[in-house]
């Protein structure tokens, strides 16, 4: 590790809690980007489960509604 990183790491303990939490989230995002591992948040996990439950119940948006949406935003 280089000297700049070591100096910053030494000061992290003095950062406000919100800044430390932001740093940790940034580290998680960087790791996921470079190592291909993405960890769902609790909200994302709940949304995925709800989507799967809707699919199990056969609750799908009609094709014409999806097509209309894509046509609206297609370049």
Protein backbone atom coordinates (compact mmCIF):
# COMPACT_ATOMS: atom_id res chain seq x y z
CA UNK A 1 0.00 0.00 0.00
CA UNK A 2 1.31 3.47 -0.72
CA UNK A 3 2.05 6.19 1.84
CA UNK A 4 -0.98 8.33 0.90
CA UNK A 5 -3.35 5.42 1.50
CA UNK A 6 -1.67 4.58 4.80
CA UNK A 7 -1.97 8.20 5.97
CA UNK A 8 -5.67 8.34 5.11
CA UNK A 9 -6.36 4.99 6.74
CA UNK A 10 -4.77 6.28 9.94
CA UNK A 11 -7.26 9.18 10.00
CA UNK A 12 -10.45 7.22 9.23
CA UNK A 13 -11.16 6.52 12.90
CA UNK A 14 -11.53 10.28 13.42
CA UNK A 15 -14.07 10.69 10.59
CA UNK A 16 -17.75 11.20 11.39
CA UNK A 17 -19.80 8.00 11.45
CA UNK A 18 -21.64 8.97 8.25
CA UNK A 19 -18.34 9.41 6.39
CA UNK A 20 -17.08 6.01 7.59
CA UNK A 21 -20.32 4.36 6.45
CA UNK A 22 -20.01 6.07 3.06
CA UNK A 23 -16.44 4.81 2.78
CA UNK A 24 -17.52 1.25 3.54
CA UNK A 25 -20.27 1.39 0.91
CA UNK A 26 -17.76 2.71 -1.62
CA UNK A 27 -15.40 -0.14 -0.82
CA UNK A 28 -18.19 -2.68 -1.27
CA UNK A 29 -19.13 -1.11 -4.62
CA UNK A 30 -15.52 -1.09 -5.84
CA UNK A 31 -15.03 -4.71 -4.82
CA UNK A 32 -18.21 -5.75 -6.62
CA UNK A 33 -17.20 -3.86 -9.74
CA UNK A 34 -13.75 -5.40 -9.94
CA UNK A 35 -14.40 -8.88 -8.55
CA UNK A 36 -17.83 -9.43 -10.07
CA UNK A 37 -19.53 -9.99 -6.73
CA UNK A 38 -22.61 -7.91 -5.95
CA UNK A 39 -24.31 -8.17 -2.62
CA UNK A 40 -27.97 -7.20 -2.53
CA UNK A 41 -29.17 -4.77 0.08
CA UNK A 42 -32.11 -5.86 2.23
CA UNK A 43 -34.44 -3.65 0.15
CA UNK A 44 -33.14 -5.10 -3.12
CA UNK A 45 -33.48 -8.64 -1.78
CA UNK A 46 -37.09 -7.93 -0.74
CA UNK A 47 -37.86 -6.48 -4.19
CA UNK A 48 -36.42 -9.55 -5.93
CA UNK A 49 -38.46 -11.86 -3.70
CA UNK A 50 -41.63 -9.88 -4.43
CA UNK A 51 -40.92 -10.01 -8.17
CA UNK A 52 -40.43 -13.78 -8.01
CA UNK A 53 -43.65 -14.16 -6.02
CA UNK A 54 -45.52 -12.12 -8.64
CA UNK A 55 -44.10 -14.33 -11.39
CA UNK A 56 -45.13 -17.45 -9.46
CA UNK A 57 -48.67 -16.03 -9.29
CA UNK A 58 -48.61 -15.33 -13.03
CA UNK A 59 -48.73 -11.58 -12.54
CA UNK A 60 -47.04 -10.14 -15.62
CA UNK A 61 -47.35 -6.82 -17.42
CA UNK A 62 -48.99 -7.34 -20.83
CA UNK A 63 -46.57 -7.38 -23.78
CA UNK A 64 -48.18 -4.35 -25.41
CA UNK A 65 -47.58 -2.25 -22.26
CA UNK A 66 -43.91 -3.28 -22.14
CA UNK A 67 -43.51 -2.61 -25.87
CA UNK A 68 -45.11 0.83 -25.48
CA UNK A 69 -42.75 1.67 -22.64
CA UNK A 70 -39.65 0.67 -24.61
CA UNK A 71 -40.87 2.53 -27.70
CA UNK A 72 -41.28 5.68 -25.61
CA UNK A 73 -37.69 5.61 -24.32
CA UNK A 74 -35.91 3.92 -27.22
CA UNK A 75 -33.37 6.15 -28.95
